[in-house]
Amino acid sequence: MIDAKEAREKTEGNRLSLTKASVEKAIKRAIEKGKDTILFVSPISKELELELIGNGFSVETKATGKKISW
């Protein structure tokens, strides 16, 4: 049986993967519509934000979420 620490680590890893997939899907949908920005209202980890910035995206904090531009 896994312990609580391992369960937390796996949960956090899955959250990051699911959030990353959601952001990528939202970006692809916006591109199909000719847009160059999205407003992502779910929380984004600092790790994911830094990854986006490292990949050339601009990430701004807004009152309603994160504005991601390319």
Protein backbone atom coordinates (compact mmCIF):
# COMPACT_ATOMS: atom_id res chain seq x y z
CA MET A 1 0.00 0.00 0.00
CA ILE A 2 1.25 3.50 -0.78
CA ASP A 3 1.76 5.96 2.03
CA ALA A 4 0.24 9.44 2.31
CA LYS A 5 3.41 11.20 1.11
CA GLU A 6 3.51 9.15 -2.08
CA ALA A 7 -0.23 9.70 -2.63
CA ARG A 8 0.23 13.49 -2.30
CA GLU A 9 3.16 13.46 -4.72
CA LYS A 10 1.21 11.44 -7.29
CA THR A 11 -1.82 13.68 -6.90
CA GLU A 12 0.26 16.81 -7.45
CA GLY A 13 1.91 15.28 -10.51
CA ASN A 14 -1.50 14.39 -11.96
CA ARG A 15 -2.85 17.88 -11.27
CA LEU A 16 0.08 19.41 -13.12
CA SER A 17 -0.39 17.06 -16.09
CA LEU A 18 -4.13 17.72 -16.26
CA THR A 19 -3.70 21.48 -15.99
CA LYS A 20 -0.97 21.43 -18.65
CA ALA A 21 -3.26 19.47 -20.98
CA SER A 22 -6.13 21.91 -20.34
CA VAL A 23 -3.94 24.93 -21.09
CA GLU A 24 -2.64 23.34 -24.28
CA LYS A 25 -6.17 22.46 -25.41
CA ALA A 26 -7.37 26.01 -24.72
CA ILE A 27 -4.44 27.46 -26.68
CA LYS A 28 -5.14 25.18 -29.65
CA ARG A 29 -8.84 26.14 -29.65
CA ALA A 30 -7.92 29.84 -29.58
CA ILE A 31 -5.48 29.38 -32.46
CA GLU A 32 -8.22 27.71 -34.53
CA LYS A 33 -10.37 30.79 -33.94
CA GLY A 34 -7.58 33.16 -34.98
CA LYS A 35 -6.94 34.44 -31.46
CA ASP A 36 -3.56 35.10 -29.87
CA THR A 37 -4.54 35.06 -26.21
CA ILE A 38 -6.58 33.06 -23.69
CA LEU A 39 -7.83 33.74 -20.18
CA PHE A 40 -7.31 30.63 -18.08
CA VAL A 41 -9.47 30.80 -14.95
CA SER A 42 -8.23 27.64 -13.20
CA PRO A 43 -5.15 27.93 -10.99
CA ILE A 44 -1.79 27.51 -12.74
CA SER A 45 1.23 26.39 -10.74
CA LYS A 46 4.37 28.52 -10.74
CA GLU A 47 6.14 25.59 -12.42
CA LEU A 48 3.71 25.61 -15.34
CA GLU A 49 3.80 29.40 -15.57
CA LEU A 50 7.60 29.30 -15.84
CA GLU A 51 7.39 26.56 -18.47
CA LEU A 52 4.99 28.68 -20.54
CA ILE A 53 7.28 31.71 -20.26
CA GLY A 54 10.25 29.54 -21.20
CA ASN A 55 8.35 28.49 -24.33
CA GLY A 56 7.83 32.11 -25.39
CA PHE A 57 4.37 32.75 -23.95
CA SER A 58 3.48 35.83 -21.95
CA VAL A 59 1.62 35.14 -18.69
CA GLU A 60 -0.17 37.94 -16.85
CA THR A 61 -2.18 37.73 -13.65
CA LYS A 62 -5.66 39.19 -14.03
CA ALA A 63 -8.49 39.46 -11.50
CA THR A 64 -10.29 36.52 -13.10
CA GLY A 65 -7.31 34.27 -13.93
CA LYS A 66 -4.16 34.11 -16.02
CA LYS A 67 -3.94 35.78 -19.42
CA ILE A 68 -1.70 33.71 -21.69
CA SER A 69 -0.56 35.37 -24.92
CA TRP A 70 1.67 34.36 -27.83
